[in-house]
Amino acid sequence: MRMKNELLLSALLLSCSLPVLALEDVGSAPTPRPETMVSMTVAALTGLAAEYKTSSDDVSWNNYFNVLKDALASPGMIHADMQLFIQSNPSLAEFKIKVNELPAGRVISFPQIKESHTVLFQTRQGRVFLVPMPPLTALREVKQLSGAPSADKAAAKPGDAHGAVPLSYLAFIGGDRMNSTLWFKGYKMSAGTLFEAPELFSSLPPFFTQNVTGRASFAANDIVLTILPPVSPDAKAEDLPKPKAQPVGYKVMLKFLGNKYAISGKLPDDGPMSVALNFAQAVAANKPELAKAWLIDPRLVSIPKYIGIMGRANPPMRLVSMSGPASGGARYRLVTGSKDDLIIEVGRILSGKLKGQVAIRALFVAPPDSFAQSLMGTMVMPGGAAPAAVAKPSGAAQPTKPAAGSPIRKP
């Protein structure tokens, strides 16, 4: 009898387990057990982090950074949880890693590491791209922009009647760690590949990113700049007024126009006249940091300060075309209505990365010219409003340009 009862109990237990076995057979793949999950720890990072802390230089940092890059490019990291990855590799948090999540992927940088001159961009498909930065530059912000549609019909999606595919831009903003000089870089995505997009910031003044200091942040797709005076790393605390005064800045808006940024209120023409006029407007508005963006040599901004026209809008100043110099380019006289006028010489940059762009290459001080005062010119509006052509009342005829050889003297 006892044996019979044991057989019945075994049969009952077997019947209870059958439905569970059937569910496991026909259902989805079983969830991996914790002991079978792939580890997110990159063992090599620990030793390389220790080497960098012992000898902090470009070589030790690049060794660490390259291992991280290879780890992110591995198939298991395509959809990995970055928070879990950082927790599994404590050196990442120690080095203040910054992760920007974007629709197209994630941007990884190390703003606190002075030897870090490269940003990683990992796409949603798992590809990893390197974005180089100038030395001492840290990434501040990055934004993915939906740009103007591309006319490339070959890249159009099936069923797209117009064959126009919107471009996806990535706009990077950085700042120099020593003096807060601004840095901008544009890229665009196409077929899962990252390409440089120089057109994104091509409308800015040629020396904007070399001579302008301050802060930048995104407001939707536009960029708001707070232009500040440069900060010298050698400045001593005892040289500063007490209590320390906060630097006074001013706002500049960069409007996104679908495939490039432009300074809000700036004339659409980027020719010599526009360069001279934008410079004169910045002088009249007492914005030397913005005025320097149009100068090949930023030290030239001391000349309008020297003759006392920085921030002086009354009486209104006018910009008058002059005959060009023998070396080529264009020349304009800023008629100030005071004891000195300013001669602005504009030309194209002949070499370097900015070759072909237009900038101010020289400034001269000239005594008032009664002939120039009678000429039609362009009113300088400090606020950047649309200028109007004006003429000083005079009974004399008003030719379009003064004769060559107008008196000029250097300060």
Protein backbone atom coordinates (compact mmCIF):
# COMPACT_ATOMS: atom_id res chain seq x y z
CA MET A 1 0.00 0.00 0.00
CA ARG A 2 2.82 2.34 0.86
CA MET A 3 4.43 1.75 -2.54
CA LYS A 4 1.13 2.46 -4.28
CA ASN A 5 0.77 5.80 -2.51
CA GLU A 6 4.29 6.85 -3.51
CA LEU A 7 3.55 6.05 -7.18
CA LEU A 8 0.36 8.13 -7.09
CA LEU A 9 2.20 11.09 -5.54
CA SER A 10 4.91 10.94 -8.21
CA ALA A 11 2.31 10.92 -10.98
CA LEU A 12 0.56 13.94 -9.45
CA LEU A 13 3.77 15.95 -9.24
CA LEU A 14 4.64 15.09 -12.85
CA SER A 15 1.22 16.23 -14.10
CA CYS A 16 1.58 19.57 -12.29
CA SER A 17 4.91 20.28 -13.97
CA LEU A 18 3.76 19.59 -17.55
CA PRO A 19 2.02 22.97 -18.20
CA VAL A 20 5.09 24.85 -17.04
CA LEU A 21 7.34 22.87 -19.36
CA ALA A 22 4.99 23.51 -22.25
CA LEU A 23 5.00 27.26 -21.62
CA GLU A 24 8.78 27.34 -21.63
CA ASP A 25 8.88 25.45 -24.92
CA VAL A 26 6.43 27.59 -26.86
CA GLY A 27 7.10 30.95 -25.30
CA SER A 28 9.82 33.55 -25.98
CA ALA A 29 13.47 32.94 -25.28
CA PRO A 30 14.17 32.67 -21.56
CA THR A 31 15.60 35.70 -19.79
CA PRO A 32 19.34 35.24 -19.24
CA ARG A 33 20.26 34.45 -15.69
CA PRO A 34 22.42 37.02 -13.93
CA GLU A 35 25.45 34.76 -14.04
CA THR A 36 25.16 34.47 -17.86
CA MET A 37 24.84 38.24 -18.61
CA VAL A 38 27.77 39.89 -20.43
CA SER A 39 29.95 41.95 -18.10
CA MET A 40 30.27 45.68 -18.91
CA THR A 41 33.56 46.03 -17.06
CA VAL A 42 36.57 46.92 -19.21
CA ALA A 43 39.42 45.61 -17.09
CA ALA A 44 42.13 47.48 -19.02
CA LEU A 45 40.66 50.88 -18.09
CA THR A 46 41.56 50.42 -14.42
CA GLY A 47 45.28 50.02 -15.04
CA LEU A 48 45.40 52.74 -17.70
CA ALA A 49 43.55 55.15 -15.41
CA ALA A 50 46.19 54.56 -12.74
CA GLU A 51 48.95 55.22 -15.29
CA TYR A 52 47.33 58.50 -16.31
CA LYS A 53 47.01 59.66 -12.71
CA THR A 54 50.67 58.83 -12.15
CA SER A 55 51.86 60.56 -15.33
CA SER A 56 49.23 62.94 -16.67
CA ASP A 57 50.23 63.61 -20.27
CA ASP A 58 48.89 63.18 -23.79
CA VAL A 59 50.39 59.71 -24.19
CA SER A 60 48.86 58.20 -21.04
CA TRP A 61 45.51 59.82 -21.74
CA ASN A 62 45.41 58.62 -25.35
CA ASN A 63 46.12 55.06 -24.18
CA TYR A 64 43.11 55.24 -21.86
CA PHE A 65 40.92 56.99 -24.42
CA ASN A 66 41.67 54.50 -27.22
CA VAL A 67 40.66 51.52 -25.07
CA LEU A 68 37.40 53.30 -24.23
CA LYS A 69 36.79 54.02 -27.93
CA ASP A 70 37.30 50.35 -28.85
CA ALA A 71 34.99 49.24 -26.04
CA LEU A 72 32.21 51.56 -27.23
CA ALA A 73 32.62 50.26 -30.79
CA SER A 74 32.03 46.65 -29.72
CA PRO A 75 28.65 45.09 -30.72
CA GLY A 76 27.56 44.66 -27.12
CA MET A 77 27.63 48.45 -26.53
CA ILE A 78 25.15 49.45 -29.25
CA HIS A 79 22.18 49.60 -26.88
CA ALA A 80 24.08 49.53 -23.61
CA ASP A 81 22.92 51.50 -20.59
CA MET A 82 25.61 54.16 -20.17
CA GLN A 83 24.83 54.62 -16.48
CA LEU A 84 25.46 50.92 -15.89
CA PHE A 85 28.62 51.12 -18.03
CA ILE A 86 29.93 54.03 -15.93
CA GLN A 87 29.11 52.20 -12.69
CA SER A 88 30.99 49.15 -13.97
CA ASN A 89 34.07 51.28 -14.75
CA PRO A 90 34.60 53.71 -11.83
CA SER A 91 37.42 55.59 -13.57
CA LEU A 92 34.87 57.10 -15.99
CA ALA A 93 33.04 58.82 -13.15
CA GLU A 94 36.36 59.80 -11.56
CA PHE A 95 37.39 61.53 -14.79
CA LYS A 96 33.98 63.32 -14.97
CA ILE A 97 32.76 61.74 -18.20
CA LYS A 98 29.95 63.71 -19.88
CA VAL A 99 27.33 61.92 -21.99
CA ASN A 100 24.91 63.85 -24.25
CA GLU A 101 22.07 61.67 -25.49
CA LEU A 102 20.79 62.72 -28.94
CA PRO A 103 18.21 61.15 -31.29
CA ALA A 104 21.03 60.04 -33.63
CA GLY A 105 23.32 58.72 -30.90
CA ARG A 106 25.35 59.80 -27.92
CA VAL A 107 28.24 62.26 -27.59
CA ILE A 108 30.90 61.41 -25.01
CA SER A 109 33.49 63.87 -23.75
CA PHE A 110 35.74 64.67 -20.78
CA PRO A 111 35.52 68.44 -20.18
CA GLN A 112 37.68 68.31 -17.03
CA ILE A 113 40.65 66.49 -18.61
CA LYS A 114 43.02 69.05 -20.14
CA GLU A 115 44.71 66.39 -22.29
CA SER A 116 41.37 65.43 -23.86
CA HIS A 117 41.23 66.95 -27.36
CA THR A 118 38.69 64.57 -28.92
CA VAL A 119 34.96 63.88 -28.59
CA LEU A 120 33.37 60.48 -29.29
CA PHE A 121 30.09 60.20 -31.19
CA GLN A 122 28.43 56.78 -31.06
CA THR A 123 25.53 56.37 -33.49
CA ARG A 124 22.40 54.33 -32.73
CA GLN A 125 23.76 51.75 -35.20
CA GLY A 126 26.91 51.31 -33.09
CA ARG A 127 29.44 53.20 -35.24
CA VAL A 128 31.91 55.42 -33.40
CA PHE A 129 33.29 58.66 -34.86
CA LEU A 130 35.98 60.98 -33.52
CA VAL A 131 35.43 64.74 -33.39
CA PRO A 132 38.78 66.55 -32.89
CA MET A 133 38.97 69.82 -30.97
CA PRO A 134 41.73 72.44 -30.68
CA PRO A 135 44.15 72.05 -27.75
CA LEU A 136 42.83 73.24 -24.36
CA THR A 137 39.26 73.27 -25.70
CA ALA A 138 36.47 71.59 -23.74
CA LEU A 139 33.08 70.64 -25.17
CA ARG A 140 30.33 72.76 -23.60
CA GLU A 141 27.18 71.88 -25.54
CA VAL A 142 26.05 69.86 -28.55
CA LYS A 143 22.75 69.94 -30.41
CA GLN A 144 21.19 67.85 -33.15
CA LEU A 145 19.45 70.06 -35.72
CA SER A 146 16.91 69.20 -38.39
CA GLY A 147 18.28 71.06 -41.38
CA ALA A 148 16.97 72.07 -44.79
CA PRO A 149 15.86 69.14 -47.00
CA SER A 150 18.42 67.61 -49.30
CA ALA A 151 17.66 67.58 -53.01
CA ASP A 152 19.39 64.21 -53.45
CA LYS A 153 16.62 61.99 -54.79
CA ALA A 154 18.80 58.91 -54.61
CA ALA A 155 18.72 59.13 -50.83
CA ALA A 156 14.95 59.59 -50.71
CA LYS A 157 12.78 57.07 -48.93
CA PRO A 158 10.49 54.86 -51.01
CA GLY A 159 7.20 56.57 -51.68
CA ASP A 160 8.59 60.06 -51.15
CA ALA A 161 7.07 62.00 -54.01
CA HIS A 162 9.35 64.98 -53.67
CA GLY A 163 12.59 63.05 -53.13
CA ALA A 164 13.74 65.54 -50.46
CA VAL A 165 15.34 64.17 -47.30
CA PRO A 166 15.96 66.53 -44.37
CA LEU A 167 19.57 66.70 -43.26
CA SER A 168 20.55 66.06 -39.67
CA TYR A 169 23.24 68.43 -38.38
CA LEU A 170 25.29 68.22 -35.21
CA ALA A 171 26.40 71.59 -33.81
CA PHE A 172 29.26 71.51 -31.29
CA ILE A 173 30.09 74.42 -28.96
CA GLY A 174 33.33 74.49 -27.02
CA GLY A 175 35.35 76.89 -24.96
CA ASP A 176 39.05 77.35 -24.28
CA ARG A 177 39.83 76.22 -20.73
CA MET A 178 42.27 79.13 -20.19
CA ASN A 179 40.69 82.24 -21.70
CA SER A 180 37.08 81.22 -22.65
CA THR A 181 37.63 81.72 -26.40
CA LEU A 182 34.64 80.20 -28.19
CA TRP A 183 34.84 77.25 -30.60
CA PHE A 184 32.16 76.06 -33.03
CA LYS A 185 32.09 73.02 -35.29
CA GLY A 186 29.41 71.62 -37.57
CA TYR A 187 28.82 68.07 -38.84
CA LYS A 188 26.03 66.38 -40.76
CA MET A 189 24.74 62.83 -40.81
CA SER A 190 24.18 60.98 -44.08
CA ALA A 191 23.58 57.23 -44.44
CA GLY A 192 24.91 56.61 -40.93
CA THR A 193 28.18 58.44 -41.59
CA LEU A 194 29.40 61.69 -40.05
CA PHE A 195 30.73 64.41 -42.38
CA GLU A 196 32.11 67.87 -41.66
CA ALA A 197 29.64 70.67 -42.42
CA PRO A 198 31.70 73.88 -42.71
CA GLU A 199 28.65 75.70 -44.07
CA LEU A 200 26.96 75.56 -40.65
CA PHE A 201 29.11 78.39 -39.22
CA SER A 202 30.44 79.88 -42.47
CA SER A 203 28.43 83.13 -42.05
CA LEU A 204 30.23 84.12 -38.85
CA PRO A 205 33.02 86.71 -39.08
CA PRO A 206 36.34 85.11 -40.09
CA PHE A 207 38.00 85.65 -36.71
CA PHE A 208 34.91 85.16 -34.57
CA THR A 209 36.14 81.97 -32.92
CA GLN A 210 39.67 83.31 -32.42
CA ASN A 211 38.98 86.77 -31.01
CA VAL A 212 35.60 86.47 -29.25
CA THR A 213 35.35 85.22 -25.66
CA GLY A 214 32.33 84.42 -23.56
CA ARG A 215 29.64 81.80 -23.06
CA ALA A 216 27.26 80.13 -25.51
CA SER A 217 24.10 78.08 -25.06
CA PHE A 218 21.32 76.75 -27.26
CA ALA A 219 17.83 78.28 -27.28
CA ALA A 220 15.89 75.74 -29.36
CA ASN A 221 17.98 75.63 -32.57
CA ASP A 222 19.41 79.14 -32.13
CA ILE A 223 22.54 79.98 -30.13
CA VAL A 224 22.65 82.72 -27.50
CA LEU A 225 26.12 84.19 -26.93
CA THR A 226 27.12 86.19 -23.88
CA ILE A 227 30.21 88.08 -25.04
CA LEU A 228 32.59 88.87 -22.20
CA PRO A 229 35.98 90.61 -21.98
CA PRO A 230 38.89 88.14 -22.17
CA VAL A 231 40.21 86.83 -18.86
CA SER A 232 43.97 86.67 -18.52
CA PRO A 233 45.19 83.49 -16.79
CA ASP A 234 48.02 85.56 -15.27
CA ALA A 235 45.69 88.01 -13.51
CA LYS A 236 46.37 88.19 -9.77
CA ALA A 237 43.64 88.43 -7.19
CA GLU A 238 45.20 91.53 -5.63
CA ASP A 239 44.98 93.33 -8.99
CA LEU A 240 41.18 93.00 -9.03
CA PRO A 241 38.85 95.55 -7.43
CA LYS A 242 37.36 94.57 -4.10
CA PRO A 243 34.68 93.41 -3.92
CA LYS A 244 35.29 91.63 -7.22
CA ALA A 245 33.02 93.06 -9.91
CA GLN A 246 31.25 90.70 -12.27
CA PRO A 247 32.22 91.26 -15.92
CA VAL A 248 29.57 93.04 -17.94
CA GLY A 249 28.62 91.13 -21.08
CA TYR A 250 26.10 91.55 -23.83
CA LYS A 251 23.94 89.17 -25.79
CA VAL A 252 24.37 88.15 -29.42
CA MET A 253 21.92 85.78 -31.12
CA LEU A 254 22.98 83.30 -33.80
CA LYS A 255 19.90 82.37 -35.80
CA PHE A 256 19.68 78.93 -37.44
CA LEU A 257 18.58 79.41 -41.06
CA GLY A 258 18.15 75.76 -42.07
CA ASN A 259 21.71 75.04 -43.13
CA LYS A 260 23.83 77.72 -41.41
CA TYR A 261 23.96 80.17 -38.52
CA ALA A 262 23.99 83.95 -38.97
CA ILE A 263 24.31 86.81 -36.50
CA SER A 264 20.86 88.21 -35.85
CA GLY A 265 20.54 91.62 -37.50
CA LYS A 266 23.64 91.12 -39.62
CA LEU A 267 23.35 92.08 -43.27
CA PRO A 268 22.95 89.03 -45.54
CA ASP A 269 25.71 90.29 -47.84
CA ASP A 270 29.14 89.14 -46.67
CA GLY A 271 31.07 91.49 -48.98
CA PRO A 272 33.54 94.21 -47.94
CA MET A 273 30.87 96.83 -47.28
CA SER A 274 29.01 94.51 -44.91
CA VAL A 275 32.23 93.73 -43.03
CA ALA A 276 33.09 97.43 -42.59
CA LEU A 277 29.52 98.30 -41.57
CA ASN A 278 29.22 95.51 -39.01
CA PHE A 279 32.54 96.55 -37.51
CA ALA A 280 31.43 100.20 -37.35
CA GLN A 281 28.13 99.21 -35.71
CA ALA A 282 29.99 97.25 -33.03
CA VAL A 283 32.26 100.27 -32.41
CA ALA A 284 29.28 102.62 -32.10
CA ALA A 285 27.56 100.19 -29.72
CA ASN A 286 30.72 99.98 -27.53
CA LYS A 287 31.17 96.26 -28.15
CA PRO A 288 34.92 95.86 -28.63
CA GLU A 289 34.82 92.09 -28.14
CA LEU A 290 32.42 91.75 -31.08
CA ALA A 291 34.30 94.34 -33.16
CA LYS A 292 37.47 92.23 -32.85
CA ALA A 293 35.74 89.38 -34.69
CA TRP A 294 36.11 91.34 -37.95
CA LEU A 295 39.81 92.16 -37.47
CA ILE A 296 42.73 90.10 -38.71
CA ASP A 297 44.76 91.50 -35.79
CA PRO A 298 42.56 91.97 -32.67
CA ARG A 299 44.97 94.62 -31.34
CA LEU A 300 43.67 97.02 -33.98
CA VAL A 301 40.58 97.55 -31.83
CA SER A 302 42.65 99.96 -29.73
CA ILE A 303 42.61 102.50 -32.59
CA PRO A 304 38.90 103.46 -32.37
CA LYS A 305 39.40 103.65 -28.59
CA TYR A 306 42.38 105.93 -29.18
CA ILE A 307 40.35 108.44 -31.19
CA GLY A 308 37.41 108.26 -28.76
CA ILE A 309 34.65 106.86 -30.98
CA MET A 310 34.08 103.58 -29.12
CA GLY A 311 30.48 103.78 -27.90
CA ARG A 312 29.91 107.23 -29.38
CA ALA A 313 26.72 107.35 -31.44
CA ASN A 314 26.02 111.08 -31.33
CA PRO A 315 26.43 112.79 -33.71
CA PRO A 316 25.66 109.80 -35.97
CA MET A 317 28.59 108.40 -37.90
CA ARG A 318 28.49 107.53 -41.61
CA LEU A 319 30.40 105.02 -43.69
CA VAL A 320 31.66 106.35 -47.04
CA SER A 321 33.28 104.34 -49.85
CA MET A 322 36.78 105.37 -50.89
CA SER A 323 39.03 104.36 -53.75
CA GLY A 324 40.69 101.03 -53.05
CA PRO A 325 44.37 100.67 -52.11
CA ALA A 326 46.96 99.71 -54.72
CA SER A 327 47.40 96.33 -53.04
CA GLY A 328 43.77 95.45 -53.75
CA GLY A 329 40.71 95.21 -51.53
CA ALA A 330 38.35 97.97 -50.48
CA ARG A 331 38.66 101.05 -48.29
CA TYR A 332 36.00 102.98 -46.37
CA ARG A 333 36.00 106.16 -44.30
CA LEU A 334 34.00 106.27 -41.11
CA VAL A 335 33.01 109.94 -40.94
CA THR A 336 32.77 110.61 -37.21
CA GLY A 337 31.96 114.33 -37.04
CA SER A 338 34.81 114.82 -34.54
CA LYS A 339 38.49 115.66 -34.80
CA ASP A 340 39.46 112.32 -36.35
CA ASP A 341 37.92 109.94 -38.89
CA LEU A 342 38.67 106.22 -39.16
CA ILE A 343 39.82 104.59 -42.40
CA ILE A 344 38.85 100.91 -42.68
CA GLU A 345 40.73 98.70 -45.13
CA VAL A 346 39.05 95.40 -46.06
CA GLY A 347 40.56 92.54 -48.02
CA ARG A 348 40.49 88.79 -48.55
CA ILE A 349 42.55 86.44 -46.43
CA LEU A 350 45.22 84.91 -48.66
CA SER A 351 46.33 81.85 -46.69
CA GLY A 352 45.41 79.49 -43.88
CA LYS A 353 42.13 77.85 -42.97
CA LEU A 354 40.23 81.13 -43.54
CA LYS A 355 41.63 81.66 -47.02
CA GLY A 356 39.18 83.49 -49.26
CA GLN A 357 37.09 85.06 -46.50
CA VAL A 358 36.78 88.82 -46.09
CA ALA A 359 38.07 90.67 -43.02
CA ILE A 360 39.49 94.03 -41.92
CA ARG A 361 43.24 94.00 -42.38
CA ALA A 362 44.14 97.60 -41.40
CA LEU A 363 42.76 100.67 -39.62
CA PHE A 364 44.12 104.21 -40.00
CA VAL A 365 43.38 107.53 -38.35
CA ALA A 366 42.70 110.46 -40.71
CA PRO A 367 41.88 114.13 -40.09
CA PRO A 368 38.42 115.32 -41.13
CA ASP A 369 37.95 115.73 -44.86
CA SER A 370 35.41 118.36 -45.89
CA PHE A 371 35.05 116.64 -49.23
CA ALA A 372 34.21 113.31 -47.59
CA GLN A 373 31.70 115.03 -45.29
CA SER A 374 29.66 116.05 -48.31
CA LEU A 375 29.46 112.55 -49.73
CA MET A 376 26.54 110.17 -49.48
CA GLY A 377 27.22 107.43 -46.97
CA THR A 378 25.56 104.73 -44.91
CA MET A 379 24.30 105.64 -41.48
CA VAL A 380 25.89 103.57 -38.71
CA MET A 381 23.18 102.25 -36.40
CA PRO A 382 24.63 100.94 -33.11
CA GLY A 383 21.73 98.54 -32.61
CA GLY A 384 22.37 96.83 -35.95
CA ALA A 385 19.13 98.10 -37.49
CA ALA A 386 18.80 98.30 -41.24
CA PRO A 387 21.02 101.20 -42.35
CA ALA A 388 19.90 103.97 -44.61
CA ALA A 389 21.91 105.94 -47.11
CA VAL A 390 22.20 109.54 -46.00
CA ALA A 391 23.93 112.63 -47.31
CA LYS A 392 25.11 115.64 -45.42
CA PRO A 393 23.43 118.78 -46.82
CA SER A 394 25.75 120.56 -49.19
CA GLY A 395 25.44 122.63 -52.30
CA ALA A 396 28.33 120.79 -53.92
CA ALA A 397 27.88 117.84 -56.24
CA GLN A 398 28.13 114.46 -54.54
CA PRO A 399 30.25 111.97 -56.47
CA THR A 400 30.11 108.33 -55.47
CA LYS A 401 33.74 108.11 -54.32
CA PRO A 402 36.39 110.60 -53.17
CA ALA A 403 39.49 111.07 -55.23
CA ALA A 404 42.44 108.80 -54.60
CA GLY A 405 45.06 109.91 -52.13
CA SER A 406 42.83 111.17 -49.32
CA PRO A 407 45.05 112.36 -46.46
CA ILE A 408 45.75 109.56 -44.02
CA ARG A 409 48.01 109.48 -41.01
CA LYS A 410 48.78 106.57 -38.76
CA PRO A 411 48.48 106.98 -35.01
